[in-house]
Amino acid sequence: LAKFGFSLTEFFAAVAKVTGKYCEVGTLKDGACPGGAA
């Protein structure tokens, strides 16, 4: 929390900038989904 000035607002704003990806069908491999799906 000290890294974010003890502000939960700043902390969760930084968390919201971290993203991840997944495939609706199948497993994500090398950033792509099976069958060319986004």
PDB file of all heavy atoms in Angstrom:
ATOM      1  N   LEU A   1       0.829  -1.213   0.000  1.00  0.00           N
ATOM      2  CA  LEU A   1       0.000   0.000   0.000  1.00  0.00           C
ATOM      3  C   LEU A   1       0.863   1.263   0.000  1.00  0.00           C
ATOM      4  O   LEU A   1       0.454   2.297  -0.543  1.00  0.00           O
ATOM      5  CB  LEU A   1      -0.937  -0.008   1.207  1.00  0.00           C
ATOM      6  CG  LEU A   1      -2.100  -1.008   1.119  1.00  0.00           C
ATOM      7  CD1 LEU A   1      -2.880  -1.040   2.422  1.00  0.00           C
ATOM      8  CD2 LEU A   1      -3.030  -0.656  -0.054  1.00  0.00           C
ATOM      9  N   ALA A   2       2.053   1.180   0.625  1.00  0.00           N
ATOM     10  CA  ALA A   2       2.945   2.346   0.641  1.00  0.00           C
ATOM     11  C   ALA A   2       3.353   2.750  -0.777  1.00  0.00           C
ATOM     12  O   ALA A   2       3.571   3.939  -1.063  1.00  0.00           O
ATOM     13  CB  ALA A   2       4.190   2.038   1.475  1.00  0.00           C
ATOM     14  N   LYS A   3       3.437   1.769  -1.680  1.00  0.00           N
ATOM     15  CA  LYS A   3       3.789   2.062  -3.078  1.00  0.00           C
ATOM     16  C   LYS A   3       2.694   2.853  -3.785  1.00  0.00           C
ATOM     17  O   LYS A   3       2.936   3.456  -4.833  1.00  0.00           O
ATOM     18  CB  LYS A   3       4.028   0.745  -3.832  1.00  0.00           C
ATOM     19  CG  LYS A   3       5.298   0.014  -3.428  1.00  0.00           C
ATOM     20  CD  LYS A   3       6.531   0.730  -3.979  1.00  0.00           C
ATOM     21  CE  LYS A   3       7.801  -0.034  -3.678  1.00  0.00           C
ATOM     22  NZ  LYS A   3       9.006   0.660  -4.196  1.00  0.00           N
ATOM     23  N   PHE A   4       1.495   2.845  -3.210  1.00  0.00           N
ATOM     24  CA  PHE A   4       0.363   3.562  -3.817  1.00  0.00           C
ATOM     25  C   PHE A   4      -0.126   4.685  -2.900  1.00  0.00           C
ATOM     26  O   PHE A   4      -1.298   5.075  -2.945  1.00  0.00           O
ATOM     27  CB  PHE A   4      -0.766   2.584  -4.123  1.00  0.00           C
ATOM     28  CG  PHE A   4      -0.368   1.490  -5.083  1.00  0.00           C
ATOM     29  CD1 PHE A   4       0.085   0.263  -4.614  1.00  0.00           C
ATOM     30  CD2 PHE A   4      -0.409   1.696  -6.451  1.00  0.00           C
ATOM     31  CE1 PHE A   4       0.480  -0.738  -5.477  1.00  0.00           C
ATOM     32  CE2 PHE A   4      -0.021   0.699  -7.334  1.00  0.00           C
ATOM     33  CZ  PHE A   4       0.432  -0.515  -6.848  1.00  0.00           C
ATOM     34  N   GLY A   5       0.782   5.174  -2.036  1.00  0.00           N
ATOM     35  CA  GLY A   5       0.442   6.274  -1.145  1.00  0.00           C
ATOM     36  C   GLY A   5      -0.665   5.939  -0.165  1.00  0.00           C
ATOM     37  O   GLY A   5      -1.405   6.826   0.268  1.00  0.00           O
ATOM     38  N   PHE A   6      -0.788   4.663   0.193  1.00  0.00           N
ATOM     39  CA  PHE A   6      -1.831   4.173   1.113  1.00  0.00           C
ATOM     40  C   PHE A   6      -3.228   4.534   0.623  1.00  0.00           C
ATOM     41  O   PHE A   6      -4.162   4.713   1.414  1.00  0.00           O
ATOM     42  CB  PHE A   6      -1.602   4.680   2.541  1.00  0.00           C
ATOM     43  CG  PHE A   6      -0.363   4.115   3.168  1.00  0.00           C
ATOM     44  CD1 PHE A   6       0.818   4.841   3.192  1.00  0.00           C
ATOM     45  CD2 PHE A   6      -0.354   2.836   3.705  1.00  0.00           C
ATOM     46  CE1 PHE A   6       1.976   4.320   3.755  1.00  0.00           C
ATOM     47  CE2 PHE A   6       0.801   2.306   4.260  1.00  0.00           C
ATOM     48  CZ  PHE A   6       1.966   3.047   4.285  1.00  0.00           C
ATOM     49  N   SER A   7      -3.383   4.631  -0.690  1.00  0.00           N
ATOM     50  CA  SER A   7      -4.691   4.941  -1.289  1.00  0.00           C
ATOM     51  C   SER A   7      -5.244   3.688  -1.960  1.00  0.00           C
ATOM     52  O   SER A   7      -4.651   3.176  -2.921  1.00  0.00           O
ATOM     53  CB  SER A   7      -4.555   6.061  -2.320  1.00  0.00           C
ATOM     54  OG  SER A   7      -5.740   6.172  -3.099  1.00  0.00           O
ATOM     55  N   LEU A   8      -6.375   3.188  -1.444  1.00  0.00           N
ATOM     56  CA  LEU A   8      -6.999   2.016  -2.060  1.00  0.00           C
ATOM     57  C   LEU A   8      -7.493   2.340  -3.473  1.00  0.00           C
ATOM     58  O   LEU A   8      -7.493   1.481  -4.353  1.00  0.00           O
ATOM     59  CB  LEU A   8      -8.165   1.529  -1.197  1.00  0.00           C
ATOM     60  CG  LEU A   8      -7.791   0.863   0.133  1.00  0.00           C
ATOM     61  CD1 LEU A   8      -9.046   0.527   0.925  1.00  0.00           C
ATOM     62  CD2 LEU A   8      -6.971  -0.390  -0.091  1.00  0.00           C
ATOM     63  N   THR A   9      -7.891   3.618  -3.684  1.00  0.00           N
ATOM     64  CA  THR A   9      -8.351   4.028  -5.017  1.00  0.00           C
ATOM     65  C   THR A   9      -7.225   3.876  -6.042  1.00  0.00           C
ATOM     66  O   THR A   9      -7.413   3.301  -7.117  1.00  0.00           O
ATOM     67  CB  THR A   9      -8.831   5.492  -4.985  1.00  0.00           C
ATOM     68  OG1 THR A   9      -9.832   5.630  -3.990  1.00  0.00           O
ATOM     69  CG2 THR A   9      -9.387   5.905  -6.343  1.00  0.00           C
ATOM     70  N   GLU A  10      -6.027   4.366  -5.676  1.00  0.00           N
ATOM     71  CA  GLU A  10      -4.877   4.250  -6.582  1.00  0.00           C
ATOM     72  C   GLU A  10      -4.474   2.791  -6.762  1.00  0.00           C
ATOM     73  O   GLU A  10      -4.099   2.365  -7.865  1.00  0.00           O
ATOM     74  CB  GLU A  10      -3.694   5.063  -6.038  1.00  0.00           C
ATOM     75  CG  GLU A  10      -3.851   6.561  -6.198  1.00  0.00           C
ATOM     76  CD  GLU A  10      -2.561   7.301  -5.855  1.00  0.00           C
ATOM     77  OE1 GLU A  10      -1.468   6.689  -5.975  1.00  0.00           O
ATOM     78  OE2 GLU A  10      -2.644   8.471  -5.453  1.00  0.00           O
ATOM     79  N   PHE A  11      -4.549   2.034  -5.682  1.00  0.00           N
ATOM     80  CA  PHE A  11      -4.160   0.625  -5.737  1.00  0.00           C
ATOM     81  C   PHE A  11      -5.039  -0.136  -6.736  1.00  0.00           C
ATOM     82  O   PHE A  11      -4.539  -0.825  -7.634  1.00  0.00           O
ATOM     83  CB  PHE A  11      -4.258   0.008  -4.336  1.00  0.00           C
ATOM     84  CG  PHE A  11      -3.994  -1.479  -4.288  1.00  0.00           C
ATOM     85  CD1 PHE A  11      -2.746  -1.989  -4.604  1.00  0.00           C
ATOM     86  CD2 PHE A  11      -4.995  -2.363  -3.920  1.00  0.00           C
ATOM     87  CE1 PHE A  11      -2.488  -3.354  -4.560  1.00  0.00           C
ATOM     88  CE2 PHE A  11      -4.754  -3.726  -3.865  1.00  0.00           C
ATOM     89  CZ  PHE A  11      -3.501  -4.220  -4.187  1.00  0.00           C
ATOM     90  N   PHE A  12      -6.360   0.005  -6.596  1.00  0.00           N
ATOM     91  CA  PHE A  12      -7.259  -0.738  -7.477  1.00  0.00           C
ATOM     92  C   PHE A  12      -7.294  -0.157  -8.894  1.00  0.00           C
ATOM     93  O   PHE A  12      -7.607  -0.869  -9.853  1.00  0.00           O
ATOM     94  CB  PHE A  12      -8.658  -0.829  -6.872  1.00  0.00           C
ATOM     95  CG  PHE A  12      -8.756  -1.857  -5.787  1.00  0.00           C
ATOM     96  CD1 PHE A  12      -8.799  -1.488  -4.451  1.00  0.00           C
ATOM     97  CD2 PHE A  12      -8.753  -3.206  -6.096  1.00  0.00           C
ATOM     98  CE1 PHE A  12      -8.858  -2.436  -3.449  1.00  0.00           C
ATOM     99  CE2 PHE A  12      -8.822  -4.170  -5.101  1.00  0.00           C
ATOM    100  CZ  PHE A  12      -8.872  -3.788  -3.775  1.00  0.00           C
ATOM    101  N   ALA A  13      -6.957   1.129  -9.035  1.00  0.00           N
ATOM    102  CA  ALA A  13      -6.821   1.693 -10.383  1.00  0.00           C
ATOM    103  C   ALA A  13      -5.646   1.032 -11.107  1.00  0.00           C
ATOM    104  O   ALA A  13      -5.734   0.736 -12.315  1.00  0.00           O
ATOM    105  CB  ALA A  13      -6.607   3.197 -10.300  1.00  0.00           C
ATOM    106  N   ALA A  14      -4.562   0.777 -10.361  1.00  0.00           N
ATOM    107  CA  ALA A  14      -3.407   0.092 -10.951  1.00  0.00           C
ATOM    108  C   ALA A  14      -3.754  -1.366 -11.279  1.00  0.00           C
ATOM    109  O   ALA A  14      -3.335  -1.894 -12.320  1.00  0.00           O
ATOM    110  CB  ALA A  14      -2.223   0.144  -9.990  1.00  0.00           C
ATOM    111  N   VAL A  15      -4.540  -1.991 -10.394  1.00  0.00           N
ATOM    112  CA  VAL A  15      -4.958  -3.376 -10.630  1.00  0.00           C
ATOM    113  C   VAL A  15      -5.800  -3.463 -11.905  1.00  0.00           C
ATOM    114  O   VAL A  15      -5.661  -4.399 -12.709  1.00  0.00           O
ATOM    115  CB  VAL A  15      -5.750  -3.929  -9.420  1.00  0.00           C
ATOM    116  CG1 VAL A  15      -6.367  -5.284  -9.740  1.00  0.00           C
ATOM    117  CG2 VAL A  15      -4.850  -4.029  -8.198  1.00  0.00           C
ATOM    118  N   ALA A  16      -6.670  -2.464 -12.115  1.00  0.00           N
ATOM    119  CA  ALA A  16      -7.558  -2.474 -13.284  1.00  0.00           C
ATOM    120  C   ALA A  16      -6.791  -2.346 -14.595  1.00  0.00           C
ATOM    121  O   ALA A  16      -7.308  -2.692 -15.662  1.00  0.00           O
ATOM    122  CB  ALA A  16      -8.582  -1.350 -13.170  1.00  0.00           C
ATOM    123  N   LYS A  17      -5.543  -1.844 -14.512  1.00  0.00           N
ATOM    124  CA  LYS A  17      -4.720  -1.711 -15.728  1.00  0.00           C
ATOM    125  C   LYS A  17      -4.047  -3.024 -16.115  1.00  0.00           C
ATOM    126  O   LYS A  17      -3.525  -3.149 -17.216  1.00  0.00           O
ATOM    127  CB  LYS A  17      -3.668  -0.623 -15.517  1.00  0.00           C
ATOM    128  CG  LYS A  17      -4.248   0.774 -15.391  1.00  0.00           C
ATOM    129  CD  LYS A  17      -3.160   1.798 -15.106  1.00  0.00           C
ATOM    130  CE  LYS A  17      -3.771   3.190 -14.901  1.00  0.00           C
ATOM    131  NZ  LYS A  17      -2.730   4.188 -14.543  1.00  0.00           N
ATOM    132  N   VAL A  18      -4.033  -3.982 -15.183  1.00  0.00           N
ATOM    133  CA  VAL A  18      -3.452  -5.296 -15.482  1.00  0.00           C
ATOM    134  C   VAL A  18      -4.532  -6.127 -16.173  1.00  0.00           C
ATOM    135  O   VAL A  18      -5.657  -6.229 -15.694  1.00  0.00           O
ATOM    136  CB  VAL A  18      -2.991  -6.017 -14.194  1.00  0.00           C
ATOM    137  CG1 VAL A  18      -2.351  -7.363 -14.532  1.00  0.00           C
ATOM    138  CG2 VAL A  18      -2.026  -5.150 -13.407  1.00  0.00           C
ATOM    139  N   THR A  19      -4.203  -6.688 -17.306  1.00  0.00           N
ATOM    140  CA  THR A  19      -5.206  -7.433 -18.077  1.00  0.00           C
ATOM    141  C   THR A  19      -4.759  -8.866 -18.338  1.00  0.00           C
ATOM    142  O   THR A  19      -3.582  -9.201 -18.234  1.00  0.00           O
ATOM    143  CB  THR A  19      -5.475  -6.747 -19.436  1.00  0.00           C
ATOM    144  OG1 THR A  19      -4.243  -6.687 -20.163  1.00  0.00           O
ATOM    145  CG2 THR A  19      -6.035  -5.359 -19.233  1.00  0.00           C
ATOM    146  N   GLY A  20      -5.723  -9.683 -18.650  1.00  0.00           N
ATOM    147  CA  GLY A  20      -5.459 -11.058 -19.044  1.00  0.00           C
ATOM    148  C   GLY A  20      -6.390 -11.454 -20.175  1.00  0.00           C
ATOM    149  O   GLY A  20      -7.334 -10.725 -20.487  1.00  0.00           O
ATOM    150  N   LYS A  21      -6.096 -12.574 -20.801  1.00  0.00           N
ATOM    151  CA  LYS A  21      -6.920 -13.049 -21.912  1.00  0.00           C
ATOM    152  C   LYS A  21      -7.299 -14.505 -21.716  1.00  0.00           C
ATOM    153  O   LYS A  21      -6.583 -15.256 -21.046  1.00  0.00           O
ATOM    154  CB  LYS A  21      -6.163 -12.890 -23.237  1.00  0.00           C
ATOM    155  CG  LYS A  21      -5.842 -11.451 -23.614  1.00  0.00           C
ATOM    156  CD  LYS A  21      -5.060 -11.395 -24.912  1.00  0.00           C
ATOM    157  CE  LYS A  21      -4.741  -9.953 -25.307  1.00  0.00           C
ATOM    158  NZ  LYS A  21      -3.960  -9.894 -26.559  1.00  0.00           N
ATOM    159  N   TYR A  22      -8.418 -14.873 -22.301  1.00  0.00           N
ATOM    160  CA  TYR A  22      -8.834 -16.271 -22.278  1.00  0.00           C
ATOM    161  C   TYR A  22      -9.639 -16.576 -23.535  1.00  0.00           C
ATOM    162  O   TYR A  22     -10.074 -15.670 -24.256  1.00  0.00           O
ATOM    163  CB  TYR A  22      -9.654 -16.595 -21.022  1.00  0.00           C
ATOM    164  CG  TYR A  22     -11.005 -15.921 -20.958  1.00  0.00           C
ATOM    165  CD1 TYR A  22     -12.138 -16.511 -21.518  1.00  0.00           C
ATOM    166  CD2 TYR A  22     -11.160 -14.690 -20.325  1.00  0.00           C
ATOM    167  CE1 TYR A  22     -13.380 -15.896 -21.454  1.00  0.00           C
ATOM    168  CE2 TYR A  22     -12.402 -14.059 -20.258  1.00  0.00           C
ATOM    169  CZ  TYR A  22     -13.500 -14.669 -20.829  1.00  0.00           C
ATOM    170  OH  TYR A  22     -14.732 -14.065 -20.774  1.00  0.00           O
ATOM    171  N   CYS A  23      -9.830 -17.861 -23.808  1.00  0.00           N
ATOM    172  CA  CYS A  23     -10.612 -18.296 -24.961  1.00  0.00           C
ATOM    173  C   CYS A  23     -11.960 -18.826 -24.486  1.00  0.00           C
ATOM    174  O   CYS A  23     -12.028 -19.554 -23.485  1.00  0.00           O
ATOM    175  CB  CYS A  23      -9.879 -19.404 -25.728  1.00  0.00           C
ATOM    176  SG  CYS A  23      -8.270 -18.897 -26.364  1.00  0.00           S
ATOM    177  N   GLU A  24     -13.016 -18.457 -25.172  1.00  0.00           N
ATOM    178  CA  GLU A  24     -14.341 -18.975 -24.832  1.00  0.00           C
ATOM    179  C   GLU A  24     -14.394 -20.492 -25.032  1.00  0.00           C
ATOM    180  O   GLU A  24     -15.073 -21.209 -24.295  1.00  0.00           O
ATOM    181  CB  GLU A  24     -15.412 -18.308 -25.693  1.00  0.00           C
ATOM    182  CG  GLU A  24     -15.674 -16.857 -25.336  1.00  0.00           C
ATOM    183  CD  GLU A  24     -16.422 -16.694 -24.022  1.00  0.00           C
ATOM    184  OE1 GLU A  24     -16.767 -17.710 -23.385  1.00  0.00           O
ATOM    185  OE2 GLU A  24     -16.662 -15.540 -23.619  1.00  0.00           O
ATOM    186  N   VAL A  25     -13.675 -20.985 -26.026  1.00  0.00           N
ATOM    187  CA  VAL A  25     -13.594 -22.421 -26.295  1.00  0.00           C
ATOM    188  C   VAL A  25     -12.121 -22.782 -26.463  1.00  0.00           C
ATOM    189  O   VAL A  25     -11.407 -22.133 -27.230  1.00  0.00           O
ATOM    190  CB  VAL A  25     -14.372 -22.811 -27.576  1.00  0.00           C
ATOM    191  CG1 VAL A  25     -14.249 -24.305 -27.837  1.00  0.00           C
ATOM    192  CG2 VAL A  25     -15.837 -22.406 -27.457  1.00  0.00           C
ATOM    193  N   GLY A  26     -11.685 -23.804 -25.741  1.00  0.00           N
ATOM    194  CA  GLY A  26     -10.303 -24.227 -25.876  1.00  0.00           C
ATOM    195  C   GLY A  26      -9.365 -23.439 -24.969  1.00  0.00           C
ATOM    196  O   GLY A  26      -9.791 -22.646 -24.116  1.00  0.00           O
ATOM    197  N   THR A  27      -8.054 -23.646 -25.168  1.00  0.00           N
ATOM    198  CA  THR A  27      -7.030 -23.054 -24.322  1.00  0.00           C
ATOM    199  C   THR A  27      -6.203 -22.057 -25.111  1.00  0.00           C
ATOM    200  O   THR A  27      -5.861 -22.298 -26.269  1.00  0.00           O
ATOM    201  CB  THR A  27      -6.105 -24.153 -23.757  1.00  0.00           C
ATOM    202  OG1 THR A  27      -6.906 -25.136 -23.101  1.00  0.00           O
ATOM    203  CG2 THR A  27      -5.116 -23.582 -22.763  1.00  0.00           C
ATOM    204  N   LEU A  28      -5.883 -20.928 -24.451  1.00  0.00           N
ATOM    205  CA  LEU A  28      -5.047 -19.906 -25.071  1.00  0.00           C
ATOM    206  C   LEU A  28      -3.617 -20.412 -25.210  1.00  0.00           C
ATOM    207  O   LEU A  28      -3.003 -20.827 -24.222  1.00  0.00           O
ATOM    208  CB  LEU A  28      -5.085 -18.630 -24.216  1.00  0.00           C
ATOM    209  CG  LEU A  28      -4.443 -17.364 -24.797  1.00  0.00           C
ATOM    210  CD1 LEU A  28      -5.296 -16.824 -25.938  1.00  0.00           C
ATOM    211  CD2 LEU A  28      -4.287 -16.313 -23.704  1.00  0.00           C
ATOM    212  N   LYS A  29      -3.067 -20.388 -26.432  1.00  0.00           N
ATOM    213  CA  LYS A  29      -1.680 -20.811 -26.670  1.00  0.00           C
ATOM    214  C   LYS A  29      -0.994 -19.774 -27.550  1.00  0.00           C
ATOM    215  O   LYS A  29      -1.475 -19.447 -28.636  1.00  0.00           O
ATOM    216  CB  LYS A  29      -1.642 -22.187 -27.351  1.00  0.00           C
ATOM    217  CG  LYS A  29      -2.081 -23.328 -26.444  1.00  0.00           C
ATOM    218  CD  LYS A  29      -1.982 -24.672 -27.151  1.00  0.00           C
ATOM    219  CE  LYS A  29      -2.442 -25.800 -26.219  1.00  0.00           C
ATOM    220  NZ  LYS A  29      -2.386 -27.117 -26.882  1.00  0.00           N
ATOM    221  N   ASP A  30       0.137 -19.240 -27.017  1.00  0.00           N
ATOM    222  CA  ASP A  30       0.904 -18.232 -27.752  1.00  0.00           C
ATOM    223  C   ASP A  30       0.032 -17.050 -28.160  1.00  0.00           C
ATOM    224  O   ASP A  30       0.164 -16.491 -29.262  1.00  0.00           O
ATOM    225  CB  ASP A  30       1.564 -18.857 -28.999  1.00  0.00           C
ATOM    226  CG  ASP A  30       2.514 -19.999 -28.642  1.00  0.00           C
ATOM    227  OD1 ASP A  30       3.200 -19.869 -27.613  1.00  0.00           O
ATOM    228  OD2 ASP A  30       2.550 -20.985 -29.378  1.00  0.00           O
ATOM    229  N   GLY A  31      -0.912 -16.675 -27.265  1.00  0.00           N
ATOM    230  CA  GLY A  31      -1.751 -15.502 -27.497  1.00  0.00           C
ATOM    231  C   GLY A  31      -2.891 -15.704 -28.467  1.00  0.00           C
ATOM    232  O   GLY A  31      -3.597 -14.740 -28.811  1.00  0.00           O
ATOM    233  N   ALA A  32      -3.095 -16.947 -28.937  1.00  0.00           N
ATOM    234  CA  ALA A  32      -4.160 -17.203 -29.929  1.00  0.00           C
ATOM    235  C   ALA A  32      -5.078 -18.311 -29.436  1.00  0.00           C
ATOM    236  O   ALA A  32      -4.689 -19.170 -28.641  1.00  0.00           O
ATOM    237  CB  ALA A  32      -3.548 -17.594 -31.267  1.00  0.00           C
ATOM    238  N   CYS A  33      -6.325 -18.281 -29.903  1.00  0.00           N
ATOM    239  CA  CYS A  33      -7.313 -19.300 -29.547  1.00  0.00           C
ATOM    240  C   CYS A  33      -7.435 -20.325 -30.679  1.00  0.00           C
ATOM    241  O   CYS A  33      -7.120 -20.022 -31.841  1.00  0.00           O
ATOM    242  CB  CYS A  33      -8.680 -18.646 -29.302  1.00  0.00           C
ATOM    243  SG  CYS A  33      -8.716 -17.543 -27.884  1.00  0.00           S
ATOM    244  N   PRO A  34      -7.916 -21.529 -30.367  1.00  0.00           N
ATOM    245  CA  PRO A  34      -8.103 -22.541 -31.413  1.00  0.00           C
ATOM    246  C   PRO A  34      -9.059 -22.053 -32.501  1.00  0.00           C
ATOM    247  O   PRO A  34     -10.035 -21.349 -32.222  1.00  0.00           O
ATOM    248  CB  PRO A  34      -8.712 -23.723 -30.638  1.00  0.00           C
ATOM    249  CG  PRO A  34      -8.290 -23.519 -29.228  1.00  0.00           C
ATOM    250  CD  PRO A  34      -8.236 -22.038 -29.032  1.00  0.00           C
ATOM    251  N   GLY A  35      -8.777 -22.429 -33.742  1.00  0.00           N
ATOM    252  CA  GLY A  35      -9.651 -22.069 -34.854  1.00  0.00           C
ATOM    253  C   GLY A  35      -9.575 -20.614 -35.271  1.00  0.00           C
ATOM    254  O   GLY A  35     -10.424 -20.123 -36.015  1.00  0.00           O
ATOM    255  N   GLY A  36      -8.578 -19.884 -34.748  1.00  0.00           N
ATOM    256  CA  GLY A  36      -8.414 -18.482 -35.128  1.00  0.00           C
ATOM    257  C   GLY A  36      -9.351 -17.525 -34.424  1.00  0.00           C
ATOM    258  O   GLY A  36      -9.411 -16.341 -34.773  1.00  0.00           O
ATOM    259  N   ALA A  37     -10.121 -17.996 -33.435  1.00  0.00           N
ATOM    260  CA  ALA A  37     -11.043 -17.119 -32.697  1.00  0.00           C
ATOM    261  C   ALA A  37     -10.259 -16.087 -31.886  1.00  0.00           C
ATOM    262  O   ALA A  37      -9.160 -16.361 -31.402  1.00  0.00           O
ATOM    263  CB  ALA A  37     -11.925 -17.947 -31.767  1.00  0.00           C
ATOM    264  N   ALA A  38     -10.830 -14.894 -31.745  1.00  0.00           N
ATOM    265  CA  ALA A  38     -10.153 -13.825 -31.003  1.00  0.00           C
ATOM    266  C   ALA A  38     -10.269 -14.087 -29.496  1.00  0.00           C
ATOM    267  O   ALA A  38     -11.354 -14.430 -29.004  1.00  0.00           O
ATOM    268  CB  ALA A  38     -10.776 -12.481 -31.350  1.00  0.00           C
TER     269      ALA A  38
END
